[in-house]
Amino acid sequence: MIATNLFKMFVSFSALFSFFDFYVSPELIEVSETTETPPVIVESKTYKEDFLIYPQVTIKDNKEAENKINEAFQAHIENSYKGYLELKEQMEKFKEEDKEHCKEFPYSCEYSYNTRFEVKFNQDGKLSILVYDATYTGGAHGLEGVTGFNFNTQTGERYTLKDIITDESKFASITQFVKKYIKEHQDLFFSEEMIADFEVTNDTQFYFTESGIDLIFQQYDVAPYAAGHPTISIPSSEL
């Protein structure tokens, strides 16, 4: 797919603004109301820089699960910080080596990095949080990558798509479900020809919903940049 490798490091400058649109509280984000499992409190933390924001959870009477989940987010933000340092080194070197260019085209020498998150599901012993890493390196826009973190809040284990779609043959049928949806919404997605080789795999990002799961795609995977991270809902009956 177009820019499949790029999303891992580069992310959209527009995320710097959209982040402030839905980021509601600087501390307490969401508390589960379910009585069947311990409530999960999700809090925001910053890592070394105020633009690197990541989640940490508190699970009442279940420190083991709490630690497993927090370690996963801690590992991600540490990797984000490394990405930021690499970007900073590259761009500062470029600015130093090509001062005339930067003077003539200052926008092309601007750069930024940010990490943010969004709680998507927090009930019934399941927690879904999307983490976005955004990078801008001059030009019209940057790119944004999204990572889905889905956990069993009783055990702290992280779900993969294969844990949800246990029948391997189902991946093919869900791929066809997605392609059918895209065909029916051509105003939002790439043409059939451009996604001919697309497949839903264990690496496809997702999050839980009350009716099943939503698949969330990287920029340019199945749609133009303007579509951002399009999602397609997969009902439980299809899983």
C-alpha atoms as a PDB file:
ATOM      1  CA  MET A   1       0.000   0.000   0.000  1.00  0.00           C
ATOM      2  CA  ILE A   2       1.069   3.586  -0.541  1.00  0.00           C
ATOM      3  CA  ALA A   3       3.180   4.913   2.341  1.00  0.00           C
ATOM      4  CA  THR A   4       2.751   1.713   4.385  1.00  0.00           C
ATOM      5  CA  ASN A   5       6.261   2.126   5.785  1.00  0.00           C
ATOM      6  CA  LEU A   6       6.088   5.907   6.113  1.00  0.00           C
ATOM      7  CA  PHE A   7       3.346   5.958   8.717  1.00  0.00           C
ATOM      8  CA  LYS A   8       5.565   4.266  11.280  1.00  0.00           C
ATOM      9  CA  MET A   9       7.608   7.424  11.687  1.00  0.00           C
ATOM     10  CA  PHE A  10       5.927  10.347   9.946  1.00  0.00           C
ATOM     11  CA  VAL A  11       2.643  11.810  11.000  1.00  0.00           C
ATOM     12  CA  SER A  12       0.392  14.713  10.121  1.00  0.00           C
ATOM     13  CA  PHE A  13       0.973  18.290  11.194  1.00  0.00           C
ATOM     14  CA  SER A  14      -2.784  18.719  11.272  1.00  0.00           C
ATOM     15  CA  ALA A  15      -2.880  16.349  14.233  1.00  0.00           C
ATOM     16  CA  LEU A  16      -1.282  19.121  16.277  1.00  0.00           C
ATOM     17  CA  PHE A  17      -4.539  21.021  15.923  1.00  0.00           C
ATOM     18  CA  SER A  18      -7.048  18.160  15.936  1.00  0.00           C
ATOM     19  CA  PHE A  19      -5.485  16.974  19.157  1.00  0.00           C
ATOM     20  CA  PHE A  20      -6.671  20.032  21.012  1.00  0.00           C
ATOM     21  CA  ASP A  21     -10.161  19.592  19.580  1.00  0.00           C
ATOM     22  CA  PHE A  22     -11.048  16.378  21.391  1.00  0.00           C
ATOM     23  CA  TYR A  23      -8.515  16.159  24.192  1.00  0.00           C
ATOM     24  CA  VAL A  24     -10.901  16.860  27.049  1.00  0.00           C
ATOM     25  CA  SER A  25      -9.115  16.626  30.375  1.00  0.00           C
ATOM     26  CA  PRO A  26      -5.461  17.045  31.332  1.00  0.00           C
ATOM     27  CA  GLU A  27      -5.713  14.302  33.920  1.00  0.00           C
ATOM     28  CA  LEU A  28      -8.788  12.097  34.251  1.00  0.00           C
ATOM     29  CA  ILE A  29      -9.946  10.781  30.885  1.00  0.00           C
ATOM     30  CA  GLU A  30     -12.528   8.073  31.424  1.00  0.00           C
ATOM     31  CA  VAL A  31     -13.857   5.725  34.083  1.00  0.00           C
ATOM     32  CA  SER A  32     -15.662   2.514  33.279  1.00  0.00           C
ATOM     33  CA  GLU A  33     -19.119   2.159  34.780  1.00  0.00           C
ATOM     34  CA  THR A  34     -19.222  -1.630  34.565  1.00  0.00           C
ATOM     35  CA  THR A  35     -19.729  -3.527  37.806  1.00  0.00           C
ATOM     36  CA  GLU A  36     -18.556  -6.854  36.386  1.00  0.00           C
ATOM     37  CA  THR A  37     -14.881  -5.932  36.361  1.00  0.00           C
ATOM     38  CA  PRO A  38     -12.738  -3.468  38.328  1.00  0.00           C
ATOM     39  CA  PRO A  39     -13.151   0.091  37.010  1.00  0.00           C
ATOM     40  CA  VAL A  40     -10.329   1.371  34.825  1.00  0.00           C
ATOM     41  CA  ILE A  41      -9.158   4.930  35.254  1.00  0.00           C
ATOM     42  CA  VAL A  42      -7.146   6.354  32.354  1.00  0.00           C
ATOM     43  CA  GLU A  43      -4.890   9.337  33.027  1.00  0.00           C
ATOM     44  CA  SER A  44      -2.690  11.389  30.738  1.00  0.00           C
ATOM     45  CA  LYS A  45       1.038  11.697  31.325  1.00  0.00           C
ATOM     46  CA  THR A  46       3.777  13.603  29.540  1.00  0.00           C
ATOM     47  CA  TYR A  47       7.128  12.044  28.688  1.00  0.00           C
ATOM     48  CA  LYS A  48      10.119  14.428  28.760  1.00  0.00           C
ATOM     49  CA  GLU A  49       8.369  16.917  26.424  1.00  0.00           C
ATOM     50  CA  ASP A  50       4.904  18.423  26.795  1.00  0.00           C
ATOM     51  CA  PHE A  51       3.977  17.311  23.256  1.00  0.00           C
ATOM     52  CA  LEU A  52       4.566  13.636  24.065  1.00  0.00           C
ATOM     53  CA  ILE A  53       1.384  12.598  25.845  1.00  0.00           C
ATOM     54  CA  TYR A  54       0.547   8.990  26.678  1.00  0.00           C
ATOM     55  CA  PRO A  55      -1.928   7.083  28.869  1.00  0.00           C
ATOM     56  CA  GLN A  56      -1.441   5.293  32.154  1.00  0.00           C
ATOM     57  CA  VAL A  57      -4.173   3.285  33.848  1.00  0.00           C
ATOM     58  CA  THR A  58      -5.254   2.456  37.366  1.00  0.00           C
ATOM     59  CA  ILE A  59      -7.149  -0.782  37.983  1.00  0.00           C
ATOM     60  CA  LYS A  60      -8.541  -1.249  41.456  1.00  0.00           C
ATOM     61  CA  ASP A  61      -7.264  -4.371  43.242  1.00  0.00           C
ATOM     62  CA  ASN A  62      -5.422  -5.633  40.141  1.00  0.00           C
ATOM     63  CA  LYS A  63      -1.882  -4.323  40.149  1.00  0.00           C
ATOM     64  CA  GLU A  64      -0.615  -7.106  37.904  1.00  0.00           C
ATOM     65  CA  ALA A  65      -2.934  -6.233  35.016  1.00  0.00           C
ATOM     66  CA  GLU A  66      -2.374  -2.528  35.625  1.00  0.00           C
ATOM     67  CA  ASN A  67       1.396  -2.921  35.354  1.00  0.00           C
ATOM     68  CA  LYS A  68       1.200  -4.958  32.135  1.00  0.00           C
ATOM     69  CA  ILE A  69      -0.951  -2.348  30.435  1.00  0.00           C
ATOM     70  CA  ASN A  70       1.144   0.575  31.638  1.00  0.00           C
ATOM     71  CA  GLU A  71       4.358  -1.103  30.522  1.00  0.00           C
ATOM     72  CA  ALA A  72       2.976  -1.374  26.972  1.00  0.00           C
ATOM     73  CA  PHE A  73       2.202   2.332  26.847  1.00  0.00           C
ATOM     74  CA  GLN A  74       5.527   3.185  28.474  1.00  0.00           C
ATOM     75  CA  ALA A  75       7.397   1.226  25.798  1.00  0.00           C
ATOM     76  CA  HIS A  76       5.489   3.024  23.053  1.00  0.00           C
ATOM     77  CA  ILE A  77       6.158   6.518  24.375  1.00  0.00           C
ATOM     78  CA  GLU A  78       9.851   5.745  24.836  1.00  0.00           C
ATOM     79  CA  ASN A  79       9.969   4.741  21.172  1.00  0.00           C
ATOM     80  CA  SER A  80       8.103   7.927  20.254  1.00  0.00           C
ATOM     81  CA  TYR A  81      10.711   9.954  22.105  1.00  0.00           C
ATOM     82  CA  LYS A  82      13.473   8.233  20.130  1.00  0.00           C
ATOM     83  CA  GLY A  83      11.614   9.095  16.934  1.00  0.00           C
ATOM     84  CA  TYR A  84      11.412  12.719  18.008  1.00  0.00           C
ATOM     85  CA  LEU A  85      15.148  12.879  18.765  1.00  0.00           C
ATOM     86  CA  GLU A  86      15.999  11.360  15.391  1.00  0.00           C
ATOM     87  CA  LEU A  87      13.746  13.833  13.618  1.00  0.00           C
ATOM     88  CA  LYS A  88      15.221  16.751  15.552  1.00  0.00           C
ATOM     89  CA  GLU A  89      18.790  15.686  14.731  1.00  0.00           C
ATOM     90  CA  GLN A  90      18.036  15.271  11.027  1.00  0.00           C
ATOM     91  CA  MET A  91      16.186  18.564  10.679  1.00  0.00           C
ATOM     92  CA  GLU A  92      18.683  20.624  12.672  1.00  0.00           C
ATOM     93  CA  LYS A  93      21.495  19.185  10.561  1.00  0.00           C
ATOM     94  CA  PHE A  94      19.578  20.061   7.400  1.00  0.00           C
ATOM     95  CA  LYS A  95      18.964  23.621   8.621  1.00  0.00           C
ATOM     96  CA  GLU A  96      22.640  24.062   9.440  1.00  0.00           C
ATOM     97  CA  GLU A  97      23.884  22.665   6.120  1.00  0.00           C
ATOM     98  CA  ASP A  98      21.447  24.566   3.917  1.00  0.00           C
ATOM     99  CA  LYS A  99      20.924  27.925   5.592  1.00  0.00           C
ATOM    100  CA  GLU A 100      20.243  29.728   2.327  1.00  0.00           C
ATOM    101  CA  HIS A 101      17.492  27.324   1.420  1.00  0.00           C
ATOM    102  CA  CYS A 102      15.900  27.701   4.833  1.00  0.00           C
ATOM    103  CA  LYS A 103      16.124  31.456   4.552  1.00  0.00           C
ATOM    104  CA  GLU A 104      14.408  31.435   1.173  1.00  0.00           C
ATOM    105  CA  PHE A 105      11.876  28.724   2.027  1.00  0.00           C
ATOM    106  CA  PRO A 106      11.531  28.803   5.826  1.00  0.00           C
ATOM    107  CA  TYR A 107       8.433  26.595   5.876  1.00  0.00           C
ATOM    108  CA  SER A 108      10.429  23.728   4.354  1.00  0.00           C
ATOM    109  CA  CYS A 109      12.749  23.720   7.360  1.00  0.00           C
ATOM    110  CA  GLU A 110      10.055  23.620  10.008  1.00  0.00           C
ATOM    111  CA  TYR A 111       9.390  20.408  11.876  1.00  0.00           C
ATOM    112  CA  SER A 112       7.361  19.042  14.753  1.00  0.00           C
ATOM    113  CA  TYR A 113       6.511  15.812  16.515  1.00  0.00           C
ATOM    114  CA  ASN A 114       3.673  14.961  18.864  1.00  0.00           C
ATOM    115  CA  THR A 115       2.079  11.949  20.468  1.00  0.00           C
ATOM    116  CA  ARG A 116      -1.484  11.907  21.744  1.00  0.00           C
ATOM    117  CA  PHE A 117      -4.145   9.337  22.583  1.00  0.00           C
ATOM    118  CA  GLU A 118      -7.875   8.726  22.505  1.00  0.00           C
ATOM    119  CA  VAL A 119      -9.910   6.342  24.672  1.00  0.00           C
ATOM    120  CA  LYS A 120     -12.327   4.456  22.412  1.00  0.00           C
ATOM    121  CA  PHE A 121     -13.760   1.714  24.653  1.00  0.00           C
ATOM    122  CA  ASN A 122     -13.640   1.104  28.398  1.00  0.00           C
ATOM    123  CA  GLN A 123     -16.196  -1.424  29.619  1.00  0.00           C
ATOM    124  CA  ASP A 124     -16.977  -5.122  30.017  1.00  0.00           C
ATOM    125  CA  GLY A 125     -13.389  -5.937  30.932  1.00  0.00           C
ATOM    126  CA  LYS A 126     -12.012  -4.485  27.693  1.00  0.00           C
ATOM    127  CA  LEU A 127     -10.029  -1.317  27.090  1.00  0.00           C
ATOM    128  CA  SER A 128      -9.270   0.208  23.687  1.00  0.00           C
ATOM    129  CA  ILE A 129      -7.009   3.220  23.313  1.00  0.00           C
ATOM    130  CA  LEU A 130      -5.668   4.687  20.082  1.00  0.00           C
ATOM    131  CA  VAL A 131      -2.235   6.311  20.191  1.00  0.00           C
ATOM    132  CA  TYR A 132      -1.327   8.745  17.417  1.00  0.00           C
ATOM    133  CA  ASP A 133       2.233   9.740  16.508  1.00  0.00           C
ATOM    134  CA  ALA A 134       2.483  12.816  14.315  1.00  0.00           C
ATOM    135  CA  THR A 135       5.428  14.308  12.473  1.00  0.00           C
ATOM    136  CA  TYR A 136       5.761  17.344  10.218  1.00  0.00           C
ATOM    137  CA  THR A 137       8.874  18.024   8.146  1.00  0.00           C
ATOM    138  CA  GLY A 138       7.879  20.947   5.967  1.00  0.00           C
ATOM    139  CA  GLY A 139       5.638  21.001   2.936  1.00  0.00           C
ATOM    140  CA  ALA A 140       1.867  20.950   2.660  1.00  0.00           C
ATOM    141  CA  HIS A 141       1.374  18.459   5.473  1.00  0.00           C
ATOM    142  CA  GLY A 142       2.996  15.639   7.372  1.00  0.00           C
ATOM    143  CA  LEU A 143       1.780  12.136   8.115  1.00  0.00           C
ATOM    144  CA  GLU A 144       0.157  10.481  11.089  1.00  0.00           C
ATOM    145  CA  GLY A 145       0.354   6.905  12.310  1.00  0.00           C
ATOM    146  CA  VAL A 146      -2.173   5.274  14.630  1.00  0.00           C
ATOM    147  CA  THR A 147      -1.631   2.293  16.910  1.00  0.00           C
ATOM    148  CA  GLY A 148      -4.499   0.452  18.533  1.00  0.00           C
ATOM    149  CA  PHE A 149      -3.995  -0.837  22.071  1.00  0.00           C
ATOM    150  CA  ASN A 150      -6.666  -3.326  23.118  1.00  0.00           C
ATOM    151  CA  PHE A 151      -6.490  -5.022  26.499  1.00  0.00           C
ATOM    152  CA  ASN A 152      -8.229  -7.543  28.712  1.00  0.00           C
ATOM    153  CA  THR A 153      -8.388  -5.459  31.893  1.00  0.00           C
ATOM    154  CA  GLN A 154      -8.641  -8.532  34.116  1.00  0.00           C
ATOM    155  CA  THR A 155      -5.399 -10.116  32.890  1.00  0.00           C
ATOM    156  CA  GLY A 156      -3.587  -7.156  31.311  1.00  0.00           C
ATOM    157  CA  GLU A 157      -3.066  -9.159  28.127  1.00  0.00           C
ATOM    158  CA  ARG A 158      -3.105  -7.253  24.867  1.00  0.00           C
ATOM    159  CA  TYR A 159      -5.457  -8.486  22.159  1.00  0.00           C
ATOM    160  CA  THR A 160      -4.343  -8.924  18.572  1.00  0.00           C
ATOM    161  CA  LEU A 161      -6.781  -9.191  15.697  1.00  0.00           C
ATOM    162  CA  LYS A 162      -6.143 -12.940  15.613  1.00  0.00           C
ATOM    163  CA  ASP A 163      -7.499 -13.156  19.148  1.00  0.00           C
ATOM    164  CA  ILE A 164     -10.755 -11.704  17.859  1.00  0.00           C
ATOM    165  CA  ILE A 165     -10.832 -13.411  14.458  1.00  0.00           C
ATOM    166  CA  THR A 166      -9.833 -16.890  15.570  1.00  0.00           C
ATOM    167  CA  ASP A 167     -10.761 -18.592  12.299  1.00  0.00           C
ATOM    168  CA  GLU A 168      -7.986 -17.813   9.812  1.00  0.00           C
ATOM    169  CA  SER A 169     -10.383 -18.111   6.876  1.00  0.00           C
ATOM    170  CA  LYS A 170     -12.420 -15.247   8.357  1.00  0.00           C
ATOM    171  CA  PHE A 171      -9.689 -12.774   7.417  1.00  0.00           C
ATOM    172  CA  ALA A 172     -10.505 -13.332   3.746  1.00  0.00           C
ATOM    173  CA  SER A 173     -14.249 -12.817   4.280  1.00  0.00           C
ATOM    174  CA  ILE A 174     -13.654  -9.677   6.344  1.00  0.00           C
ATOM    175  CA  THR A 175     -11.335  -8.374   3.620  1.00  0.00           C
ATOM    176  CA  GLN A 176     -14.207  -8.819   1.166  1.00  0.00           C
ATOM    177  CA  PHE A 177     -16.564  -7.112   3.624  1.00  0.00           C
ATOM    178  CA  VAL A 178     -14.209  -4.130   3.753  1.00  0.00           C
ATOM    179  CA  LYS A 179     -13.784  -3.978  -0.027  1.00  0.00           C
ATOM    180  CA  LYS A 180     -17.544  -4.107  -0.489  1.00  0.00           C
ATOM    181  CA  TYR A 181     -17.941  -1.216   1.946  1.00  0.00           C
ATOM    182  CA  ILE A 182     -15.270   0.778   0.127  1.00  0.00           C
ATOM    183  CA  LYS A 183     -16.948   0.110  -3.224  1.00  0.00           C
ATOM    184  CA  GLU A 184     -20.211   1.442  -1.811  1.00  0.00           C
ATOM    185  CA  HIS A 185     -18.509   4.599  -0.503  1.00  0.00           C
ATOM    186  CA  GLN A 186     -16.262   5.617  -3.375  1.00  0.00           C
ATOM    187  CA  ASP A 187     -16.518   9.265  -2.401  1.00  0.00           C
ATOM    188  CA  LEU A 188     -14.407   8.495   0.689  1.00  0.00           C
ATOM    189  CA  PHE A 189     -11.960   5.815  -0.444  1.00  0.00           C
ATOM    190  CA  PHE A 190      -9.538   4.916  -3.219  1.00  0.00           C
ATOM    191  CA  SER A 191     -10.848   3.164  -6.304  1.00  0.00           C
ATOM    192  CA  GLU A 192     -11.193  -0.626  -6.437  1.00  0.00           C
ATOM    193  CA  GLU A 193      -8.139  -0.817  -8.655  1.00  0.00           C
ATOM    194  CA  MET A 194      -5.955   1.027  -6.143  1.00  0.00           C
ATOM    195  CA  ILE A 195      -6.895  -1.302  -3.278  1.00  0.00           C
ATOM    196  CA  ALA A 196      -6.904  -4.513  -5.313  1.00  0.00           C
ATOM    197  CA  ASP A 197      -4.068  -5.984  -3.232  1.00  0.00           C
ATOM    198  CA  PHE A 198      -5.416  -4.799   0.105  1.00  0.00           C
ATOM    199  CA  GLU A 199      -5.947  -7.419   2.797  1.00  0.00           C
ATOM    200  CA  VAL A 200      -7.069  -7.322   6.407  1.00  0.00           C
ATOM    201  CA  THR A 201      -4.260  -8.910   8.427  1.00  0.00           C
ATOM    202  CA  ASN A 202      -3.231  -9.268  12.041  1.00  0.00           C
ATOM    203  CA  ASP A 203      -1.383  -5.952  11.640  1.00  0.00           C
ATOM    204  CA  THR A 204      -4.565  -4.032  10.786  1.00  0.00           C
ATOM    205  CA  GLN A 205      -5.352  -1.653  13.643  1.00  0.00           C
ATOM    206  CA  PHE A 206      -8.685  -1.927  15.451  1.00  0.00           C
ATOM    207  CA  TYR A 207     -10.630  -1.094  18.582  1.00  0.00           C
ATOM    208  CA  PHE A 208     -13.615  -2.563  20.395  1.00  0.00           C
ATOM    209  CA  THR A 209     -17.136  -1.221  20.045  1.00  0.00           C
ATOM    210  CA  GLU A 210     -20.429  -2.255  21.644  1.00  0.00           C
ATOM    211  CA  SER A 211     -21.448  -4.047  18.439  1.00  0.00           C
ATOM    212  CA  GLY A 212     -18.123  -5.619  17.449  1.00  0.00           C
ATOM    213  CA  ILE A 213     -14.922  -3.905  16.351  1.00  0.00           C
ATOM    214  CA  ASP A 214     -13.920  -0.969  14.167  1.00  0.00           C
ATOM    215  CA  LEU A 215     -10.979  -1.345  11.820  1.00  0.00           C
ATOM    216  CA  ILE A 216      -8.961   1.863  11.608  1.00  0.00           C
ATOM    217  CA  PHE A 217      -6.597   2.425   8.718  1.00  0.00           C
ATOM    218  CA  GLN A 218      -3.364   4.315   8.287  1.00  0.00           C
ATOM    219  CA  GLN A 219      -3.287   7.366   6.075  1.00  0.00           C
ATOM    220  CA  TYR A 220      -3.124   6.414   2.381  1.00  0.00           C
ATOM    221  CA  ASP A 221      -3.833   2.723   3.061  1.00  0.00           C
ATOM    222  CA  VAL A 222      -7.328   2.770   1.593  1.00  0.00           C
ATOM    223  CA  ALA A 223      -8.149   6.457   1.173  1.00  0.00           C
ATOM    224  CA  PRO A 224      -6.638   9.860   0.293  1.00  0.00           C
ATOM    225  CA  TYR A 225      -4.874  12.002   2.883  1.00  0.00           C
ATOM    226  CA  ALA A 226      -7.968  14.140   3.424  1.00  0.00           C
ATOM    227  CA  ALA A 227      -9.815  11.112   4.793  1.00  0.00           C
ATOM    228  CA  GLY A 228      -7.394  10.883   7.713  1.00  0.00           C
ATOM    229  CA  HIS A 229      -7.754   7.507   9.414  1.00  0.00           C
ATOM    230  CA  PRO A 230     -10.947   6.047   7.974  1.00  0.00           C
ATOM    231  CA  THR A 231     -12.758   3.402  10.016  1.00  0.00           C
ATOM    232  CA  ILE A 232     -15.021   0.556   8.978  1.00  0.00           C
ATOM    233  CA  SER A 233     -17.264  -1.137  11.522  1.00  0.00           C
ATOM    234  CA  ILE A 234     -17.274  -4.934  11.624  1.00  0.00           C
ATOM    235  CA  PRO A 235     -20.298  -6.365  13.451  1.00  0.00           C
ATOM    236  CA  SER A 236     -19.874  -9.330  15.777  1.00  0.00           C
ATOM    237  CA  SER A 237     -21.814 -11.481  13.307  1.00  0.00           C
ATOM    238  CA  GLU A 238     -18.958 -11.123  10.809  1.00  0.00           C
ATOM    239  CA  LEU A 239     -16.183 -12.082  13.245  1.00  0.00           C
END
